[in-house]
Amino acid sequence: MPSNYETFFNAERFALIGHSASKPFPILSYKGLKRLGKTVYPVDVSAERIDGDQAYASLDALPQTPEAVIIEVPKQETRDWIARAAEIGVSDVWVHMAHETPEAVALAAEKGINLRTGTCAVMYLKPGLSYHSIHQAIMKLLGKY
């Protein structure tokens, strides 16, 4: 039976939120989702283009409402992005490991969001041998995959 983390990727439309002015855009997750044939909208308030694609400054500016959102921004921005996801009706959110805060987690619970935290989406998206596949093997052994 697939885990809650694995079922996250059953969605077809994703928004991937980054903040390139603060840290590099989460390009591995972005390219991984695209490689799976998913529709992926880059959301970045500090960039006009990501990997050659139009970037959007907000979730409500997207051409379609995403089914799922991945948040990889500085920790102090996470709660606000969860609030914005809830406002547009997204109920599946992944917050990149170590980017969650108690306030963000509490808000997600209050809004009924199925929140994934504590791990990296890339280990589900990047095929082949890499740091992420080693991370994946360890998480499977620990029963946290």
N, C-alpha and C. Protein backbone atom coordinates (compact mmCIF):
# COMPACT_ATOMS: atom_id res chain seq x y z
N MET A 1 0.85 -1.18 0.00
CA MET A 1 0.00 0.00 0.00
C MET A 1 0.89 1.24 0.00
N PRO A 2 0.65 2.16 -0.93
CA PRO A 2 1.46 3.38 -1.00
C PRO A 2 1.30 4.24 0.27
N SER A 3 2.39 4.87 0.64
CA SER A 3 2.37 5.77 1.80
C SER A 3 1.70 7.09 1.45
N ASN A 4 1.41 7.88 2.47
CA ASN A 4 0.85 9.22 2.27
C ASN A 4 1.79 10.08 1.42
N TYR A 5 3.10 9.86 1.58
CA TYR A 5 4.06 10.61 0.78
C TYR A 5 3.95 10.20 -0.70
N GLU A 6 3.86 8.91 -0.95
CA GLU A 6 3.80 8.43 -2.33
C GLU A 6 2.52 8.86 -3.03
N THR A 7 1.39 8.83 -2.33
CA THR A 7 0.12 9.20 -2.97
C THR A 7 0.05 10.68 -3.31
N PHE A 8 0.90 11.48 -2.71
CA PHE A 8 0.96 12.90 -3.05
C PHE A 8 1.16 13.09 -4.55
N PHE A 9 1.94 12.21 -5.15
CA PHE A 9 2.29 12.36 -6.56
C PHE A 9 1.24 11.79 -7.51
N ASN A 10 0.08 11.39 -6.98
CA ASN A 10 -1.04 10.99 -7.83
C ASN A 10 -1.71 12.20 -8.48
N ALA A 11 -1.49 13.36 -7.93
CA ALA A 11 -2.06 14.59 -8.50
C ALA A 11 -1.49 14.81 -9.90
N GLU A 12 -2.23 15.54 -10.70
CA GLU A 12 -1.77 15.86 -12.06
C GLU A 12 -1.26 17.29 -12.19
N ARG A 13 -1.77 18.21 -11.34
CA ARG A 13 -1.37 19.62 -11.41
C ARG A 13 -0.74 20.05 -10.09
N PHE A 14 0.47 20.59 -10.20
CA PHE A 14 1.23 21.00 -9.03
C PHE A 14 1.64 22.47 -9.14
N ALA A 15 1.74 23.11 -8.00
CA ALA A 15 2.45 24.39 -7.91
C ALA A 15 3.67 24.11 -7.06
N LEU A 16 4.80 24.61 -7.50
CA LEU A 16 6.05 24.47 -6.76
C LEU A 16 6.50 25.86 -6.38
N ILE A 17 6.53 26.11 -5.08
CA ILE A 17 6.81 27.46 -4.58
C ILE A 17 8.25 27.55 -4.10
N GLY A 18 8.97 28.49 -4.66
CA GLY A 18 10.34 28.77 -4.25
C GLY A 18 10.52 30.27 -4.15
N HIS A 19 11.68 30.67 -3.69
CA HIS A 19 11.99 32.10 -3.57
C HIS A 19 13.46 32.27 -3.97
N SER A 20 13.67 32.41 -5.27
CA SER A 20 15.02 32.42 -5.83
C SER A 20 15.92 33.51 -5.28
N ALA A 21 15.35 34.61 -4.83
CA ALA A 21 16.19 35.68 -4.28
C ALA A 21 16.80 35.26 -2.94
N SER A 22 16.17 34.32 -2.25
CA SER A 22 16.66 33.87 -0.94
C SER A 22 17.47 32.58 -1.02
N LYS A 23 17.09 31.69 -1.91
CA LYS A 23 17.80 30.43 -2.11
C LYS A 23 17.45 29.90 -3.49
N PRO A 24 18.27 29.04 -4.07
CA PRO A 24 17.99 28.57 -5.43
C PRO A 24 16.61 27.91 -5.52
N PHE A 25 15.95 28.14 -6.65
CA PHE A 25 14.63 27.54 -6.87
C PHE A 25 14.78 26.02 -6.82
N PRO A 26 13.79 25.33 -6.27
CA PRO A 26 13.87 23.86 -6.14
C PRO A 26 13.73 23.16 -7.50
N ILE A 27 14.76 23.31 -8.30
CA ILE A 27 14.72 22.87 -9.70
C ILE A 27 14.66 21.36 -9.83
N LEU A 28 15.25 20.60 -8.91
CA LEU A 28 15.20 19.15 -9.01
C LEU A 28 13.76 18.64 -8.86
N SER A 29 13.03 19.20 -7.94
CA SER A 29 11.61 18.82 -7.78
C SER A 29 10.82 19.25 -9.02
N TYR A 30 11.10 20.44 -9.50
CA TYR A 30 10.40 20.98 -10.67
C TYR A 30 10.61 20.07 -11.88
N LYS A 31 11.86 19.76 -12.17
CA LYS A 31 12.17 18.92 -13.33
C LYS A 31 11.65 17.50 -13.13
N GLY A 32 11.70 17.00 -11.90
CA GLY A 32 11.20 15.66 -11.62
C GLY A 32 9.71 15.53 -11.89
N LEU A 33 8.95 16.51 -11.47
CA LEU A 33 7.50 16.51 -11.74
C LEU A 33 7.22 16.60 -13.23
N LYS A 34 7.95 17.46 -13.92
CA LYS A 34 7.76 17.59 -15.37
C LYS A 34 8.11 16.28 -16.07
N ARG A 35 9.17 15.61 -15.61
CA ARG A 35 9.58 14.34 -16.20
C ARG A 35 8.48 13.28 -16.05
N LEU A 36 7.70 13.37 -14.98
CA LEU A 36 6.58 12.45 -14.76
C LEU A 36 5.35 12.81 -15.60
N GLY A 37 5.45 13.91 -16.37
CA GLY A 37 4.33 14.33 -17.21
C GLY A 37 3.29 15.17 -16.48
N LYS A 38 3.64 15.66 -15.31
CA LYS A 38 2.72 16.48 -14.53
C LYS A 38 2.71 17.91 -15.06
N THR A 39 1.61 18.61 -14.86
CA THR A 39 1.55 20.04 -15.10
C THR A 39 2.12 20.69 -13.84
N VAL A 40 3.14 21.52 -14.03
CA VAL A 40 3.81 22.13 -12.88
C VAL A 40 3.93 23.63 -13.11
N TYR A 41 3.43 24.39 -12.16
CA TYR A 41 3.53 25.85 -12.23
C TYR A 41 4.56 26.33 -11.23
N PRO A 42 5.62 27.00 -11.70
CA PRO A 42 6.58 27.57 -10.76
C PRO A 42 6.02 28.86 -10.16
N VAL A 43 6.04 28.94 -8.85
CA VAL A 43 5.59 30.14 -8.15
C VAL A 43 6.80 30.72 -7.44
N ASP A 44 7.16 31.93 -7.83
CA ASP A 44 8.36 32.56 -7.27
C ASP A 44 8.19 34.08 -7.38
N VAL A 45 8.09 34.73 -6.25
CA VAL A 45 7.88 36.18 -6.24
C VAL A 45 9.10 36.94 -6.75
N SER A 46 10.24 36.25 -6.87
CA SER A 46 11.47 36.96 -7.23
C SER A 46 12.02 36.57 -8.60
N ALA A 47 11.23 35.84 -9.40
CA ALA A 47 11.71 35.43 -10.73
C ALA A 47 10.58 35.52 -11.75
N GLU A 48 10.95 35.86 -12.97
CA GLU A 48 9.98 35.88 -14.05
C GLU A 48 9.90 34.56 -14.79
N ARG A 49 11.03 33.82 -14.81
CA ARG A 49 11.10 32.54 -15.51
C ARG A 49 11.87 31.54 -14.64
N ILE A 50 11.43 30.29 -14.70
CA ILE A 50 12.13 29.19 -14.05
C ILE A 50 12.31 28.11 -15.11
N ASP A 51 13.54 27.74 -15.35
CA ASP A 51 13.86 26.70 -16.33
C ASP A 51 13.20 27.00 -17.69
N GLY A 52 13.14 28.26 -18.03
CA GLY A 52 12.57 28.69 -19.31
C GLY A 52 11.06 28.87 -19.30
N ASP A 53 10.40 28.50 -18.21
CA ASP A 53 8.94 28.59 -18.12
C ASP A 53 8.52 29.84 -17.35
N GLN A 54 7.35 30.36 -17.68
CA GLN A 54 6.82 31.52 -16.97
C GLN A 54 6.65 31.18 -15.50
N ALA A 55 7.13 32.06 -14.64
CA ALA A 55 6.91 31.92 -13.20
C ALA A 55 5.77 32.85 -12.80
N TYR A 56 5.10 32.50 -11.73
CA TYR A 56 3.97 33.27 -11.23
C TYR A 56 4.30 33.78 -9.84
N ALA A 57 3.81 34.96 -9.51
CA ALA A 57 4.12 35.58 -8.22
C ALA A 57 3.20 35.09 -7.10
N SER A 58 2.08 34.46 -7.47
CA SER A 58 1.14 34.01 -6.44
C SER A 58 0.36 32.80 -6.93
N LEU A 59 -0.23 32.09 -6.01
CA LEU A 59 -1.05 30.93 -6.37
C LEU A 59 -2.31 31.32 -7.12
N ASP A 60 -2.88 32.46 -6.76
CA ASP A 60 -4.12 32.86 -7.44
C ASP A 60 -3.88 33.44 -8.83
N ALA A 61 -2.62 33.58 -9.24
CA ALA A 61 -2.30 34.04 -10.59
C ALA A 61 -2.15 32.87 -11.58
N LEU A 62 -2.19 31.64 -11.08
CA LEU A 62 -1.99 30.48 -11.93
C LEU A 62 -3.15 30.29 -12.91
N PRO A 63 -2.88 29.75 -14.10
CA PRO A 63 -3.95 29.53 -15.07
C PRO A 63 -4.96 28.47 -14.63
N GLN A 64 -4.55 27.55 -13.78
CA GLN A 64 -5.43 26.51 -13.23
C GLN A 64 -5.09 26.35 -11.75
N THR A 65 -6.07 25.94 -10.97
CA THR A 65 -5.81 25.67 -9.56
C THR A 65 -5.05 24.35 -9.45
N PRO A 66 -3.93 24.35 -8.76
CA PRO A 66 -3.19 23.10 -8.59
C PRO A 66 -3.93 22.15 -7.65
N GLU A 67 -3.68 20.87 -7.83
CA GLU A 67 -4.23 19.87 -6.92
C GLU A 67 -3.33 19.71 -5.70
N ALA A 68 -2.05 20.00 -5.88
CA ALA A 68 -1.08 19.83 -4.80
C ALA A 68 -0.02 20.93 -4.90
N VAL A 69 0.56 21.25 -3.75
CA VAL A 69 1.56 22.32 -3.68
C VAL A 69 2.78 21.82 -2.92
N ILE A 70 3.95 22.10 -3.46
CA ILE A 70 5.21 21.85 -2.75
C ILE A 70 5.78 23.21 -2.38
N ILE A 71 6.13 23.37 -1.10
CA ILE A 71 6.67 24.64 -0.60
C ILE A 71 8.12 24.44 -0.21
N GLU A 72 9.01 25.19 -0.87
CA GLU A 72 10.44 25.16 -0.56
C GLU A 72 10.94 26.60 -0.49
N VAL A 73 10.48 27.30 0.51
CA VAL A 73 10.86 28.70 0.73
C VAL A 73 11.54 28.82 2.08
N PRO A 74 12.15 29.97 2.37
CA PRO A 74 12.68 30.17 3.72
C PRO A 74 11.58 29.93 4.77
N LYS A 75 11.98 29.34 5.86
CA LYS A 75 11.07 28.92 6.92
C LYS A 75 10.06 29.99 7.34
N GLN A 76 10.50 31.22 7.41
CA GLN A 76 9.63 32.29 7.88
C GLN A 76 8.48 32.59 6.90
N GLU A 77 8.53 32.05 5.68
CA GLU A 77 7.47 32.27 4.69
C GLU A 77 6.48 31.10 4.61
N THR A 78 6.81 29.97 5.20
CA THR A 78 6.04 28.75 5.03
C THR A 78 4.58 28.90 5.47
N ARG A 79 4.33 29.45 6.63
CA ARG A 79 2.96 29.57 7.14
C ARG A 79 2.09 30.38 6.18
N ASP A 80 2.63 31.48 5.66
CA ASP A 80 1.86 32.33 4.75
C ASP A 80 1.50 31.58 3.46
N TRP A 81 2.42 30.74 2.95
CA TRP A 81 2.11 29.99 1.74
C TRP A 81 1.08 28.90 2.01
N ILE A 82 1.11 28.31 3.20
CA ILE A 82 0.07 27.33 3.55
C ILE A 82 -1.29 28.03 3.60
N ALA A 83 -1.32 29.23 4.16
CA ALA A 83 -2.58 30.00 4.20
C ALA A 83 -3.08 30.28 2.79
N ARG A 84 -2.18 30.65 1.89
CA ARG A 84 -2.59 30.94 0.51
C ARG A 84 -3.09 29.68 -0.20
N ALA A 85 -2.44 28.54 0.06
CA ALA A 85 -2.90 27.28 -0.53
C ALA A 85 -4.31 26.95 -0.04
N ALA A 86 -4.55 27.13 1.24
CA ALA A 86 -5.88 26.87 1.80
C ALA A 86 -6.92 27.80 1.17
N GLU A 87 -6.55 29.06 0.95
CA GLU A 87 -7.48 30.03 0.37
C GLU A 87 -7.96 29.64 -1.01
N ILE A 88 -7.11 28.98 -1.79
CA ILE A 88 -7.53 28.59 -3.15
C ILE A 88 -8.07 27.16 -3.19
N GLY A 89 -8.17 26.52 -2.03
CA GLY A 89 -8.80 25.21 -1.96
C GLY A 89 -7.88 24.01 -2.13
N VAL A 90 -6.58 24.20 -1.99
CA VAL A 90 -5.64 23.09 -2.09
C VAL A 90 -5.59 22.36 -0.75
N SER A 91 -5.74 21.05 -0.79
CA SER A 91 -5.75 20.29 0.46
C SER A 91 -4.56 19.33 0.58
N ASP A 92 -3.68 19.30 -0.40
CA ASP A 92 -2.47 18.48 -0.35
C ASP A 92 -1.25 19.38 -0.48
N VAL A 93 -0.46 19.43 0.59
CA VAL A 93 0.72 20.31 0.62
C VAL A 93 1.92 19.53 1.16
N TRP A 94 3.05 19.75 0.53
CA TRP A 94 4.32 19.17 0.97
C TRP A 94 5.22 20.34 1.34
N VAL A 95 5.73 20.34 2.55
CA VAL A 95 6.71 21.35 2.97
C VAL A 95 8.06 20.65 3.05
N HIS A 96 9.01 21.17 2.31
CA HIS A 96 10.34 20.59 2.26
C HIS A 96 10.92 20.44 3.66
N MET A 97 11.66 19.37 3.87
CA MET A 97 12.21 19.08 5.19
C MET A 97 12.95 20.27 5.79
N ALA A 98 12.71 20.49 7.06
CA ALA A 98 13.32 21.56 7.84
C ALA A 98 12.81 22.95 7.46
N HIS A 99 11.73 23.03 6.68
CA HIS A 99 11.15 24.32 6.33
C HIS A 99 9.81 24.54 7.01
N GLU A 100 9.36 23.56 7.79
CA GLU A 100 8.10 23.71 8.50
C GLU A 100 8.34 24.44 9.83
N THR A 101 7.28 25.03 10.33
CA THR A 101 7.30 25.67 11.64
C THR A 101 6.08 25.17 12.40
N PRO A 102 6.09 25.25 13.72
CA PRO A 102 4.91 24.84 14.48
C PRO A 102 3.65 25.60 14.04
N GLU A 103 3.80 26.88 13.73
CA GLU A 103 2.66 27.69 13.29
C GLU A 103 2.12 27.21 11.94
N ALA A 104 3.02 26.84 11.04
CA ALA A 104 2.61 26.35 9.73
C ALA A 104 1.89 25.01 9.85
N VAL A 105 2.43 24.13 10.66
CA VAL A 105 1.82 22.81 10.87
C VAL A 105 0.45 22.96 11.51
N ALA A 106 0.33 23.84 12.50
CA ALA A 106 -0.96 24.07 13.17
C ALA A 106 -1.98 24.64 12.20
N LEU A 107 -1.57 25.58 11.36
CA LEU A 107 -2.50 26.16 10.39
C LEU A 107 -2.98 25.10 9.40
N ALA A 108 -2.07 24.26 8.93
CA ALA A 108 -2.45 23.20 7.99
C ALA A 108 -3.49 22.28 8.63
N ALA A 109 -3.28 21.91 9.89
CA ALA A 109 -4.24 21.05 10.58
C ALA A 109 -5.59 21.75 10.72
N GLU A 110 -5.56 23.01 11.09
CA GLU A 110 -6.79 23.80 11.25
C GLU A 110 -7.57 23.88 9.94
N LYS A 111 -6.86 23.98 8.81
CA LYS A 111 -7.50 24.14 7.50
C LYS A 111 -7.82 22.80 6.82
N GLY A 112 -7.50 21.69 7.48
CA GLY A 112 -7.79 20.38 6.91
C GLY A 112 -6.86 19.97 5.78
N ILE A 113 -5.66 20.52 5.78
CA ILE A 113 -4.68 20.21 4.74
C ILE A 113 -3.94 18.93 5.11
N ASN A 114 -3.82 18.04 4.14
CA ASN A 114 -3.01 16.83 4.30
C ASN A 114 -1.57 17.27 4.07
N LEU A 115 -0.85 17.49 5.15
CA LEU A 115 0.49 18.07 5.10
C LEU A 115 1.55 16.98 5.18
N ARG A 116 2.50 17.05 4.28
CA ARG A 116 3.67 16.16 4.33
C ARG A 116 4.86 17.01 4.73
N THR A 117 5.59 16.58 5.73
CA THR A 117 6.78 17.30 6.20
C THR A 117 7.84 16.28 6.58
N GLY A 118 9.01 16.79 6.88
CA GLY A 118 10.07 15.95 7.44
C GLY A 118 10.91 15.20 6.44
N THR A 119 10.67 15.39 5.17
CA THR A 119 11.46 14.71 4.17
C THR A 119 11.48 15.51 2.87
N CYS A 120 12.21 15.00 1.92
CA CYS A 120 12.45 15.72 0.66
C CYS A 120 11.67 15.07 -0.47
N ALA A 121 10.94 15.86 -1.23
CA ALA A 121 10.18 15.35 -2.36
C ALA A 121 11.08 14.77 -3.44
N VAL A 122 12.30 15.26 -3.54
CA VAL A 122 13.18 14.83 -4.62
C VAL A 122 13.47 13.33 -4.54
N MET A 123 13.50 12.77 -3.34
CA MET A 123 13.81 11.34 -3.26
C MET A 123 12.70 10.49 -3.89
N TYR A 124 11.54 11.06 -4.13
CA TYR A 124 10.45 10.37 -4.82
C TYR A 124 10.46 10.68 -6.32
N LEU A 125 11.24 11.66 -6.73
CA LEU A 125 11.17 12.17 -8.10
C LEU A 125 12.42 11.93 -8.94
N LYS A 126 13.54 11.66 -8.32
CA LYS A 126 14.79 11.57 -9.06
C LYS A 126 15.21 10.11 -9.21
N PRO A 127 15.14 9.57 -10.43
CA PRO A 127 15.53 8.17 -10.64
C PRO A 127 17.04 8.00 -10.62
N GLY A 128 17.48 6.77 -10.43
CA GLY A 128 18.90 6.46 -10.50
C GLY A 128 19.61 6.65 -9.18
N LEU A 129 20.88 6.32 -9.18
CA LEU A 129 21.70 6.41 -7.98
C LEU A 129 22.12 7.85 -7.73
N SER A 130 21.80 8.33 -6.55
CA SER A 130 22.17 9.69 -6.17
C SER A 130 22.07 9.79 -4.65
N TYR A 131 22.43 10.92 -4.13
CA TYR A 131 22.23 11.19 -2.70
C TYR A 131 20.77 10.94 -2.33
N HIS A 132 19.88 11.33 -3.21
CA HIS A 132 18.45 11.20 -2.92
C HIS A 132 17.99 9.74 -2.90
N SER A 133 18.59 8.89 -3.74
CA SER A 133 18.22 7.47 -3.72
C SER A 133 18.75 6.81 -2.45
N ILE A 134 19.89 7.26 -1.97
CA ILE A 134 20.43 6.73 -0.70
C ILE A 134 19.50 7.17 0.44
N HIS A 135 19.09 8.43 0.42
CA HIS A 135 18.14 8.95 1.41
C HIS A 135 16.85 8.11 1.36
N GLN A 136 16.40 7.80 0.15
CA GLN A 136 15.19 7.00 -0.04
C GLN A 136 15.35 5.62 0.61
N ALA A 137 16.48 4.97 0.39
CA ALA A 137 16.72 3.63 0.95
C ALA A 137 16.71 3.68 2.48
N ILE A 138 17.34 4.69 3.05
CA ILE A 138 17.37 4.84 4.51
C ILE A 138 15.97 5.07 5.05
N MET A 139 15.21 5.93 4.41
CA MET A 139 13.85 6.21 4.86
C MET A 139 12.97 4.96 4.77
N LYS A 140 13.16 4.16 3.74
CA LYS A 140 12.39 2.91 3.61
C LYS A 140 12.74 1.97 4.76
N LEU A 141 14.03 1.84 5.06
CA LEU A 141 14.46 0.97 6.16
C LEU A 141 13.88 1.43 7.50
N LEU A 142 13.74 2.74 7.67
CA LEU A 142 13.19 3.29 8.92
C LEU A 142 11.67 3.31 8.94
N GLY A 143 11.05 2.90 7.83
CA GLY A 143 9.59 2.90 7.76
C GLY A 143 8.99 4.30 7.65
N LYS A 144 9.77 5.24 7.11
CA LYS A 144 9.31 6.64 7.00
C LYS A 144 9.15 7.07 5.55
N TYR A 145 9.05 6.13 4.65
CA TYR A 145 8.94 6.44 3.21
C TYR A 145 7.49 6.56 2.90
